[in-house]
PDB file of all heavy atoms in Angstrom:
ATOM      1  N   GLU A   1      -1.751   1.961 -15.498  1.00  0.00           N
ATOM      2  CA  GLU A   1      -1.862   1.908 -16.955  1.00  0.00           C
ATOM      3  C   GLU A   1      -0.529   1.530 -17.617  1.00  0.00           C
ATOM      4  O   GLU A   1      -0.482   0.734 -18.557  1.00  0.00           O
ATOM      5  CB  GLU A   1      -2.342   3.225 -17.483  1.00  0.00           C
ATOM      6  CG  GLU A   1      -2.635   3.188 -19.005  1.00  0.00           C
ATOM      7  CD  GLU A   1      -3.307   4.437 -19.487  1.00  0.00           C
ATOM      8  OE1 GLU A   1      -2.602   5.474 -19.619  1.00  0.00           O
ATOM      9  OE2 GLU A   1      -4.535   4.368 -19.714  1.00  0.00           O
ATOM     10  N   HIS A   2       0.583   2.054 -17.105  1.00  0.00           N
ATOM     11  CA  HIS A   2       1.883   1.834 -17.750  1.00  0.00           C
ATOM     12  C   HIS A   2       2.907   1.163 -16.755  1.00  0.00           C
ATOM     13  O   HIS A   2       4.115   1.295 -17.039  1.00  0.00           O
ATOM     14  CB  HIS A   2       2.489   3.109 -18.318  1.00  0.00           C
ATOM     15  CG  HIS A   2       1.591   3.743 -19.326  1.00  0.00           C
ATOM     16  ND1 HIS A   2       1.406   3.214 -20.590  1.00  0.00           N
ATOM     17  CD2 HIS A   2       0.833   4.861 -19.273  1.00  0.00           C
ATOM     18  CE1 HIS A   2       0.586   3.992 -21.246  1.00  0.00           C
ATOM     19  NE2 HIS A   2       0.165   4.968 -20.463  1.00  0.00           N
ATOM     20  N   HIS A   3       2.437   0.574 -15.704  1.00  0.00           N
ATOM     21  CA  HIS A   3       3.404   0.063 -14.684  1.00  0.00           C
ATOM     22  C   HIS A   3       2.720  -0.954 -13.792  1.00  0.00           C
ATOM     23  O   HIS A   3       1.522  -0.825 -13.496  1.00  0.00           O
ATOM     24  CB  HIS A   3       3.866   1.217 -13.827  1.00  0.00           C
ATOM     25  CG  HIS A   3       4.938   0.900 -12.849  1.00  0.00           C
ATOM     26  ND1 HIS A   3       6.205   0.614 -13.147  1.00  0.00           N
ATOM     27  CD2 HIS A   3       4.817   0.725 -11.478  1.00  0.00           C
ATOM     28  CE1 HIS A   3       6.863   0.350 -12.047  1.00  0.00           C
ATOM     29  NE2 HIS A   3       6.070   0.416 -11.035  1.00  0.00           N
ATOM     30  N   GLU A   4       3.468  -2.005 -13.458  1.00  0.00           N
ATOM     31  CA  GLU A   4       2.962  -2.967 -12.448  1.00  0.00           C
ATOM     32  C   GLU A   4       3.989  -2.989 -11.310  1.00  0.00           C
ATOM     33  O   GLU A   4       5.193  -3.079 -11.541  1.00  0.00           O
ATOM     34  CB  GLU A   4       2.824  -4.348 -13.051  1.00  0.00           C
ATOM     35  CG  GLU A   4       2.260  -5.353 -12.069  1.00  0.00           C
ATOM     36  CD  GLU A   4       1.901  -6.693 -12.684  1.00  0.00           C
ATOM     37  OE1 GLU A   4       2.870  -7.482 -12.866  1.00  0.00           O
ATOM     38  OE2 GLU A   4       0.751  -6.907 -13.025  1.00  0.00           O
ATOM     39  N   HIS A   5       3.500  -2.854 -10.106  1.00  0.00           N
ATOM     40  CA  HIS A   5       4.378  -2.822  -8.933  1.00  0.00           C
ATOM     41  C   HIS A   5       3.954  -4.007  -8.027  1.00  0.00           C
ATOM     42  O   HIS A   5       2.830  -4.165  -7.662  1.00  0.00           O
ATOM     43  CB  HIS A   5       4.136  -1.478  -8.180  1.00  0.00           C
ATOM     44  CG  HIS A   5       4.935  -1.359  -6.973  1.00  0.00           C
ATOM     45  ND1 HIS A   5       6.290  -0.992  -7.032  1.00  0.00           N
ATOM     46  CD2 HIS A   5       4.666  -1.476  -5.629  1.00  0.00           C
ATOM     47  CE1 HIS A   5       6.796  -0.925  -5.805  1.00  0.00           C
ATOM     48  NE2 HIS A   5       5.807  -1.210  -4.964  1.00  0.00           N
ATOM     49  N   ILE A   6       4.963  -4.797  -7.628  1.00  0.00           N
ATOM     50  CA  ILE A   6       4.725  -5.976  -6.803  1.00  0.00           C
ATOM     51  C   ILE A   6       5.464  -5.850  -5.496  1.00  0.00           C
ATOM     52  O   ILE A   6       6.666  -5.532  -5.468  1.00  0.00           O
ATOM     53  CB  ILE A   6       5.159  -7.256  -7.567  1.00  0.00           C
ATOM     54  CG1 ILE A   6       4.350  -7.444  -8.837  1.00  0.00           C
ATOM     55  CG2 ILE A   6       5.010  -8.490  -6.666  1.00  0.00           C
ATOM     56  CD1 ILE A   6       4.768  -8.563  -9.720  1.00  0.00           C
ATOM     57  N   VAL A   7       4.757  -6.115  -4.383  1.00  0.00           N
ATOM     58  CA  VAL A   7       5.373  -6.138  -3.074  1.00  0.00           C
ATOM     59  C   VAL A   7       5.367  -7.637  -2.597  1.00  0.00           C
ATOM     60  O   VAL A   7       4.282  -8.184  -2.336  1.00  0.00           O
ATOM     61  CB  VAL A   7       4.634  -5.311  -2.041  1.00  0.00           C
ATOM     62  CG1 VAL A   7       5.302  -5.327  -0.701  1.00  0.00           C
ATOM     63  CG2 VAL A   7       4.532  -3.846  -2.588  1.00  0.00           C
ATOM     64  N   PRO A   8       6.536  -8.266  -2.567  1.00  0.00           N
ATOM     65  CA  PRO A   8       6.521  -9.689  -2.147  1.00  0.00           C
ATOM     66  C   PRO A   8       6.425  -9.835  -0.623  1.00  0.00           C
ATOM     67  O   PRO A   8       6.947  -9.050   0.132  1.00  0.00           O
ATOM     68  CB  PRO A   8       7.939 -10.188  -2.623  1.00  0.00           C
ATOM     69  CG  PRO A   8       8.744  -8.957  -2.659  1.00  0.00           C
ATOM     70  CD  PRO A   8       7.843  -7.799  -2.912  1.00  0.00           C
ATOM     71  N   LYS A   9       5.676 -10.845  -0.213  1.00  0.00           N
ATOM     72  CA  LYS A   9       5.504 -11.205   1.185  1.00  0.00           C
ATOM     73  C   LYS A   9       5.258 -10.024   2.137  1.00  0.00           C
ATOM     74  O   LYS A   9       6.004  -9.784   3.085  1.00  0.00           O
ATOM     75  CB  LYS A   9       6.747 -11.981   1.659  1.00  0.00           C
ATOM     76  CG  LYS A   9       6.936 -13.265   0.845  1.00  0.00           C
ATOM     77  CD  LYS A   9       8.109 -14.027   1.324  1.00  0.00           C
ATOM     78  CE  LYS A   9       8.363 -15.314   0.579  1.00  0.00           C
ATOM     79  NZ  LYS A   9       7.660 -15.657  -0.602  1.00  0.00           N
ATOM     80  N   PRO A  10       4.179  -9.278   1.892  1.00  0.00           N
ATOM     81  CA  PRO A  10       3.876  -8.139   2.770  1.00  0.00           C
ATOM     82  C   PRO A  10       3.521  -8.618   4.193  1.00  0.00           C
ATOM     83  O   PRO A  10       2.933  -9.710   4.333  1.00  0.00           O
ATOM     84  CB  PRO A  10       2.667  -7.499   2.144  1.00  0.00           C
ATOM     85  CG  PRO A  10       2.008  -8.529   1.287  1.00  0.00           C
ATOM     86  CD  PRO A  10       3.141  -9.439   0.843  1.00  0.00           C
ATOM     87  N   LYS A  11       3.953  -7.865   5.217  1.00  0.00           N
ATOM     88  CA  LYS A  11       3.582  -8.218   6.563  1.00  0.00           C
ATOM     89  C   LYS A  11       2.471  -7.459   7.134  1.00  0.00           C
ATOM     90  O   LYS A  11       1.794  -7.919   8.072  1.00  0.00           O
ATOM     91  CB  LYS A  11       4.819  -8.138   7.507  1.00  0.00           C
ATOM     92  CG  LYS A  11       5.248  -6.742   7.835  1.00  0.00           C
ATOM     93  CD  LYS A  11       6.370  -6.759   8.889  1.00  0.00           C
ATOM     94  CE  LYS A  11       6.747  -5.396   9.286  1.00  0.00           C
ATOM     95  NZ  LYS A  11       7.786  -5.379  10.315  1.00  0.00           N
ATOM     96  N   GLU A  12       2.121  -6.308   6.501  1.00  0.00           N
ATOM     97  CA  GLU A  12       0.985  -5.508   6.964  1.00  0.00           C
ATOM     98  C   GLU A  12       0.495  -4.634   5.841  1.00  0.00           C
ATOM     99  O   GLU A  12       1.246  -4.137   5.039  1.00  0.00           O
ATOM    100  CB  GLU A  12       1.442  -4.612   8.132  1.00  0.00           C
ATOM    101  CG  GLU A  12       0.335  -3.770   8.686  1.00  0.00           C
ATOM    102  CD  GLU A  12       0.849  -2.899   9.855  1.00  0.00           C
ATOM    103  OE1 GLU A  12       0.984  -3.437  10.993  1.00  0.00           O
ATOM    104  OE2 GLU A  12       1.068  -1.684   9.671  1.00  0.00           O
ATOM    105  N   ILE A  13      -0.849  -4.520   5.790  1.00  0.00           N
ATOM    106  CA  ILE A  13      -1.479  -3.589   4.854  1.00  0.00           C
ATOM    107  C   ILE A  13      -2.521  -2.734   5.577  1.00  0.00           C
ATOM    108  O   ILE A  13      -3.357  -3.256   6.327  1.00  0.00           O
ATOM    109  CB  ILE A  13      -2.184  -4.351   3.687  1.00  0.00           C
ATOM    110  CG1 ILE A  13      -1.196  -5.180   2.871  1.00  0.00           C
ATOM    111  CG2 ILE A  13      -2.892  -3.378   2.759  1.00  0.00           C
ATOM    112  CD1 ILE A  13      -1.777  -6.047   1.777  1.00  0.00           C
ATOM    113  N   ALA A  14      -2.425  -1.422   5.396  1.00  0.00           N
ATOM    114  CA  ALA A  14      -3.374  -0.512   6.013  1.00  0.00           C
ATOM    115  C   ALA A  14      -3.994   0.358   4.913  1.00  0.00           C
ATOM    116  O   ALA A  14      -3.307   0.643   3.891  1.00  0.00           O
ATOM    117  CB  ALA A  14      -2.654   0.351   7.030  1.00  0.00           C
ATOM    118  N   VAL A  15      -5.214   0.780   5.163  1.00  0.00           N
ATOM    119  CA  VAL A  15      -5.888   1.684   4.203  1.00  0.00           C
ATOM    120  C   VAL A  15      -6.241   2.986   4.958  1.00  0.00           C
ATOM    121  O   VAL A  15      -6.604   2.973   6.120  1.00  0.00           O
ATOM    122  CB  VAL A  15      -7.126   1.064   3.568  1.00  0.00           C
ATOM    123  CG1 VAL A  15      -6.738  -0.087   2.650  1.00  0.00           C
ATOM    124  CG2 VAL A  15      -8.147   0.644   4.601  1.00  0.00           C
ATOM    125  N   ASP A  16      -6.152   4.099   4.246  1.00  0.00           N
ATOM    126  CA  ASP A  16      -6.535   5.388   4.719  1.00  0.00           C
ATOM    127  C   ASP A  16      -7.803   5.797   3.956  1.00  0.00           C
ATOM    128  O   ASP A  16      -7.728   5.993   2.759  1.00  0.00           O
ATOM    129  CB  ASP A  16      -5.397   6.414   4.537  1.00  0.00           C
ATOM    130  CG  ASP A  16      -5.725   7.810   5.118  1.00  0.00           C
ATOM    131  OD1 ASP A  16      -6.756   7.917   5.793  1.00  0.00           O
ATOM    132  OD2 ASP A  16      -4.907   8.683   4.927  1.00  0.00           O
ATOM    133  N   GLU A  17      -8.916   5.909   4.708  1.00  0.00           N
ATOM    134  CA  GLU A  17     -10.170   6.226   3.983  1.00  0.00           C
ATOM    135  C   GLU A  17     -10.940   7.326   4.721  1.00  0.00           C
ATOM    136  O   GLU A  17     -10.755   7.488   5.961  1.00  0.00           O
ATOM    137  CB  GLU A  17     -10.998   4.996   3.726  1.00  0.00           C
ATOM    138  CG  GLU A  17     -11.537   4.290   4.966  1.00  0.00           C
ATOM    139  CD  GLU A  17     -12.297   3.032   4.634  1.00  0.00           C
ATOM    140  OE1 GLU A  17     -13.064   3.044   3.637  1.00  0.00           O
ATOM    141  OE2 GLU A  17     -12.153   2.018   5.342  1.00  0.00           O
ATOM    142  N   ASP A  18     -11.714   8.061   3.967  1.00  0.00           N
ATOM    143  CA  ASP A  18     -12.603   9.036   4.523  1.00  0.00           C
ATOM    144  C   ASP A  18     -13.985   8.864   3.898  1.00  0.00           C
ATOM    145  O   ASP A  18     -14.225   7.842   3.234  1.00  0.00           O
ATOM    146  CB  ASP A  18     -12.057  10.439   4.301  1.00  0.00           C
ATOM    147  CG  ASP A  18     -11.946  10.839   2.895  1.00  0.00           C
ATOM    148  OD1 ASP A  18     -12.474  10.200   1.983  1.00  0.00           O
ATOM    149  OD2 ASP A  18     -11.263  11.890   2.598  1.00  0.00           O
ATOM    150  N   VAL A  19     -14.862   9.783   4.023  1.00  0.00           N
ATOM    151  CA  VAL A  19     -16.226   9.675   3.508  1.00  0.00           C
ATOM    152  C   VAL A  19     -16.280   9.501   1.989  1.00  0.00           C
ATOM    153  O   VAL A  19     -17.252   8.965   1.428  1.00  0.00           O
ATOM    154  CB  VAL A  19     -17.165  10.797   3.953  1.00  0.00           C
ATOM    155  CG1 VAL A  19     -17.357  10.780   5.461  1.00  0.00           C
ATOM    156  CG2 VAL A  19     -16.613  12.132   3.527  1.00  0.00           C
ATOM    157  N   THR A  20     -15.211   9.977   1.322  1.00  0.00           N
ATOM    158  CA  THR A  20     -15.216   9.873  -0.146  1.00  0.00           C
ATOM    159  C   THR A  20     -14.591   8.550  -0.659  1.00  0.00           C
ATOM    160  O   THR A  20     -14.664   8.203  -1.830  1.00  0.00           O
ATOM    161  CB  THR A  20     -14.411  11.011  -0.791  1.00  0.00           C
ATOM    162  OG1 THR A  20     -13.004  10.934  -0.337  1.00  0.00           O
ATOM    163  CG2 THR A  20     -14.986  12.352  -0.388  1.00  0.00           C
ATOM    164  N   GLY A  21     -14.039   7.764   0.249  1.00  0.00           N
ATOM    165  CA  GLY A  21     -13.461   6.462  -0.156  1.00  0.00           C
ATOM    166  C   GLY A  21     -12.046   6.319   0.282  1.00  0.00           C
ATOM    167  O   GLY A  21     -11.528   7.044   1.126  1.00  0.00           O
ATOM    168  N   ILE A  22     -11.313   5.347  -0.379  1.00  0.00           N
ATOM    169  CA  ILE A  22      -9.941   5.076  -0.045  1.00  0.00           C
ATOM    170  C   ILE A  22      -9.021   6.165  -0.618  1.00  0.00           C
ATOM    171  O   ILE A  22      -9.082   6.488  -1.825  1.00  0.00           O
ATOM    172  CB  ILE A  22      -9.506   3.699  -0.620  1.00  0.00           C
ATOM    173  CG1 ILE A  22     -10.442   2.593  -0.107  1.00  0.00           C
ATOM    174  CG2 ILE A  22      -8.038   3.418  -0.298  1.00  0.00           C
ATOM    175  CD1 ILE A  22     -10.254   2.160   1.299  1.00  0.00           C
ATOM    176  N   LYS A  23      -8.202   6.790   0.222  1.00  0.00           N
ATOM    177  CA  LYS A  23      -7.258   7.797  -0.222  1.00  0.00           C
ATOM    178  C   LYS A  23      -5.827   7.199  -0.412  1.00  0.00           C
ATOM    179  O   LYS A  23      -5.111   7.729  -1.274  1.00  0.00           O
ATOM    180  CB  LYS A  23      -7.175   8.910   0.804  1.00  0.00           C
ATOM    181  CG  LYS A  23      -8.475   9.663   1.028  1.00  0.00           C
ATOM    182  CD  LYS A  23      -8.299  10.884   1.901  1.00  0.00           C
ATOM    183  CE  LYS A  23      -7.528  10.601   3.131  1.00  0.00           C
ATOM    184  NZ  LYS A  23      -7.411  11.765   4.049  1.00  0.00           N
ATOM    185  N   ALA A  24      -5.513   6.197   0.348  1.00  0.00           N
ATOM    186  CA  ALA A  24      -4.175   5.620   0.227  1.00  0.00           C
ATOM    187  C   ALA A  24      -4.143   4.217   0.824  1.00  0.00           C
ATOM    188  O   ALA A  24      -4.980   3.855   1.645  1.00  0.00           O
ATOM    189  CB  ALA A  24      -3.145   6.500   0.942  1.00  0.00           C
ATOM    190  N   VAL A  25      -3.190   3.415   0.300  1.00  0.00           N
ATOM    191  CA  VAL A  25      -2.955   2.096   0.806  1.00  0.00           C
ATOM    192  C   VAL A  25      -1.461   2.035   1.148  1.00  0.00           C
ATOM    193  O   VAL A  25      -0.644   2.441   0.369  1.00  0.00           O
ATOM    194  CB  VAL A  25      -3.250   1.008  -0.250  1.00  0.00           C
ATOM    195  CG1 VAL A  25      -2.910  -0.389   0.291  1.00  0.00           C
ATOM    196  CG2 VAL A  25      -4.730   1.063  -0.641  1.00  0.00           C
ATOM    197  N   GLU A  26      -1.155   1.560   2.342  1.00  0.00           N
ATOM    198  CA  GLU A  26       0.237   1.407   2.777  1.00  0.00           C
ATOM    199  C   GLU A  26       0.532  -0.109   2.971  1.00  0.00           C
ATOM    200  O   GLU A  26      -0.151  -0.747   3.731  1.00  0.00           O
ATOM    201  CB  GLU A  26       0.529   2.145   4.083  1.00  0.00           C
ATOM    202  CG  GLU A  26       1.941   2.009   4.530  1.00  0.00           C
ATOM    203  CD  GLU A  26       2.192   2.796   5.838  1.00  0.00           C
ATOM    204  OE1 GLU A  26       2.480   3.970   5.769  1.00  0.00           O
ATOM    205  OE2 GLU A  26       2.082   2.137   6.890  1.00  0.00           O
ATOM    206  N   VAL A  27       1.522  -0.591   2.234  1.00  0.00           N
ATOM    207  CA  VAL A  27       1.913  -1.981   2.303  1.00  0.00           C
ATOM    208  C   VAL A  27       3.326  -2.062   2.884  1.00  0.00           C
ATOM    209  O   VAL A  27       4.230  -1.401   2.360  1.00  0.00           O
ATOM    210  CB  VAL A  27       1.896  -2.687   0.913  1.00  0.00           C
ATOM    211  CG1 VAL A  27       2.231  -4.138   1.004  1.00  0.00           C
ATOM    212  CG2 VAL A  27       0.555  -2.455   0.262  1.00  0.00           C
ATOM    213  N   VAL A  28       3.503  -2.787   3.966  1.00  0.00           N
ATOM    214  CA  VAL A  28       4.786  -2.875   4.633  1.00  0.00           C
ATOM    215  C   VAL A  28       5.423  -4.240   4.379  1.00  0.00           C
ATOM    216  O   VAL A  28       4.848  -5.272   4.602  1.00  0.00           O
ATOM    217  CB  VAL A  28       4.638  -2.689   6.185  1.00  0.00           C
ATOM    218  CG1 VAL A  28       5.991  -2.681   6.843  1.00  0.00           C
ATOM    219  CG2 VAL A  28       3.901  -1.343   6.450  1.00  0.00           C
ATOM    220  N   GLU A  29       6.682  -4.207   3.886  1.00  0.00           N
ATOM    221  CA  GLU A  29       7.469  -5.421   3.628  1.00  0.00           C
ATOM    222  C   GLU A  29       7.977  -5.947   4.957  1.00  0.00           C
ATOM    223  O   GLU A  29       8.020  -5.292   5.952  1.00  0.00           O
ATOM    224  CB  GLU A  29       8.678  -5.087   2.751  1.00  0.00           C
ATOM    225  CG  GLU A  29       8.402  -4.928   1.299  1.00  0.00           C
ATOM    226  CD  GLU A  29       9.689  -4.735   0.487  1.00  0.00           C
ATOM    227  OE1 GLU A  29      10.492  -5.736   0.480  1.00  0.00           O
ATOM    228  OE2 GLU A  29       9.898  -3.678  -0.052  1.00  0.00           O
ATOM    229  N   GLN A  30       8.514  -7.165   4.915  1.00  0.00           N
ATOM    230  CA  GLN A  30       9.127  -7.808   6.049  1.00  0.00           C
ATOM    231  C   GLN A  30      10.271  -6.976   6.636  1.00  0.00           C
ATOM    232  O   GLN A  30      10.423  -6.924   7.879  1.00  0.00           O
ATOM    233  CB  GLN A  30       9.651  -9.231   5.731  1.00  0.00           C
ATOM    234  CG  GLN A  30       8.580 -10.185   5.284  1.00  0.00           C
ATOM    235  CD  GLN A  30       7.579 -10.530   6.384  1.00  0.00           C
ATOM    236  OE1 GLN A  30       7.914 -10.610   7.569  1.00  0.00           O
ATOM    237  NE2 GLN A  30       6.334 -10.715   6.016  1.00  0.00           N
ATOM    238  N   ASN A  31      11.041  -6.282   5.806  1.00  0.00           N
ATOM    239  CA  ASN A  31      12.141  -5.488   6.280  1.00  0.00           C
ATOM    240  C   ASN A  31      11.767  -4.081   6.732  1.00  0.00           C
ATOM    241  O   ASN A  31      12.637  -3.284   7.110  1.00  0.00           O
ATOM    242  CB  ASN A  31      13.234  -5.385   5.198  1.00  0.00           C
ATOM    243  CG  ASN A  31      12.821  -4.547   3.963  1.00  0.00           C
ATOM    244  OD1 ASN A  31      11.729  -4.043   3.940  1.00  0.00           O
ATOM    245  ND2 ASN A  31      13.656  -4.543   2.983  1.00  0.00           N
ATOM    246  N   GLY A  32      10.455  -3.771   6.717  1.00  0.00           N
ATOM    247  CA  GLY A  32      10.028  -2.443   7.210  1.00  0.00           C
ATOM    248  C   GLY A  32       9.829  -1.436   6.100  1.00  0.00           C
ATOM    249  O   GLY A  32       9.276  -0.337   6.364  1.00  0.00           O
ATOM    250  N   THR A  33      10.274  -1.717   4.857  1.00  0.00           N
ATOM    251  CA  THR A  33      10.052  -0.766   3.771  1.00  0.00           C
ATOM    252  C   THR A  33       8.548  -0.609   3.483  1.00  0.00           C
ATOM    253  O   THR A  33       7.829  -1.582   3.438  1.00  0.00           O
ATOM    254  CB  THR A  33      10.773  -1.275   2.495  1.00  0.00           C
ATOM    255  OG1 THR A  33      12.170  -1.383   2.772  1.00  0.00           O
ATOM    256  CG2 THR A  33      10.547  -0.320   1.334  1.00  0.00           C
ATOM    257  N   LYS A  34       8.147   0.648   3.369  1.00  0.00           N
ATOM    258  CA  LYS A  34       6.743   0.943   3.090  1.00  0.00           C
ATOM    259  C   LYS A  34       6.508   1.341   1.655  1.00  0.00           C
ATOM    260  O   LYS A  34       7.302   2.103   1.091  1.00  0.00           O
ATOM    261  CB  LYS A  34       6.275   2.099   3.989  1.00  0.00           C
ATOM    262  CG  LYS A  34       6.344   1.764   5.477  1.00  0.00           C
ATOM    263  CD  LYS A  34       5.931   2.963   6.312  1.00  0.00           C
ATOM    264  CE  LYS A  34       6.071   2.622   7.791  1.00  0.00           C
ATOM    265  NZ  LYS A  34       5.707   3.766   8.608  1.00  0.00           N
ATOM    266  N   HIS A  35       5.450   0.779   1.103  1.00  0.00           N
ATOM    267  CA  HIS A  35       5.022   1.130  -0.283  1.00  0.00           C
ATOM    268  C   HIS A  35       3.677   1.817  -0.122  1.00  0.00           C
ATOM    269  O   HIS A  35       2.721   1.211   0.367  1.00  0.00           O
ATOM    270  CB  HIS A  35       4.832  -0.166  -1.128  1.00  0.00           C
ATOM    271  CG  HIS A  35       6.088  -0.939  -1.234  1.00  0.00           C
ATOM    272  ND1 HIS A  35       6.878  -1.050  -2.355  1.00  0.00           N
ATOM    273  CD2 HIS A  35       6.760  -1.729  -0.250  1.00  0.00           C
ATOM    274  CE1 HIS A  35       7.898  -1.811  -2.115  1.00  0.00           C
ATOM    275  NE2 HIS A  35       7.880  -2.246  -0.902  1.00  0.00           N
ATOM    276  N   ILE A  36       3.653   3.104  -0.458  1.00  0.00           N
ATOM    277  CA  ILE A  36       2.428   3.916  -0.292  1.00  0.00           C
ATOM    278  C   ILE A  36       1.817   4.206  -1.626  1.00  0.00           C
ATOM    279  O   ILE A  36       2.454   4.810  -2.470  1.00  0.00           O
ATOM    280  CB  ILE A  36       2.794   5.223   0.464  1.00  0.00           C
ATOM    281  CG1 ILE A  36       3.430   4.858   1.801  1.00  0.00           C
ATOM    282  CG2 ILE A  36       1.536   6.070   0.675  1.00  0.00           C
ATOM    283  CD1 ILE A  36       4.167   5.993   2.483  1.00  0.00           C
ATOM    284  N   ILE A  37       0.575   3.741  -1.811  1.00  0.00           N
ATOM    285  CA  ILE A  37      -0.132   4.007  -3.048  1.00  0.00           C
ATOM    286  C   ILE A  37      -1.196   5.078  -2.736  1.00  0.00           C
ATOM    287  O   ILE A  37      -2.138   4.853  -2.004  1.00  0.00           O
ATOM    288  CB  ILE A  37      -0.861   2.723  -3.559  1.00  0.00           C
ATOM    289  CG1 ILE A  37       0.164   1.611  -3.816  1.00  0.00           C
ATOM    290  CG2 ILE A  37      -1.635   2.994  -4.804  1.00  0.00           C
ATOM    291  CD1 ILE A  37       0.429   0.697  -2.664  1.00  0.00           C
ATOM    292  N   LYS A  38      -0.947   6.297  -3.294  1.00  0.00           N
ATOM    293  CA  LYS A  38      -1.864   7.407  -3.075  1.00  0.00           C
ATOM    294  C   LYS A  38      -2.818   7.454  -4.234  1.00  0.00           C
ATOM    295  O   LYS A  38      -2.379   7.507  -5.388  1.00  0.00           O
ATOM    296  CB  LYS A  38      -1.069   8.740  -2.978  1.00  0.00           C
ATOM    297  CG  LYS A  38      -0.108   8.750  -1.807  1.00  0.00           C
ATOM    298  CD  LYS A  38       0.684  10.000  -1.837  1.00  0.00           C
ATOM    299  CE  LYS A  38       1.732   9.987  -0.718  1.00  0.00           C
ATOM    300  NZ  LYS A  38       2.587  11.195  -0.765  1.00  0.00           N
TER     301      LYS A  38
END
């Protein structure tokens, strides 16, 4: 709502989900930095 977050050139994206749906998304940059959206 009040922020936009951009990860340039991601090398990997993983999702953590259970029966209720997606709980988190992890986006890994080329340098290994992880962006975790809970």
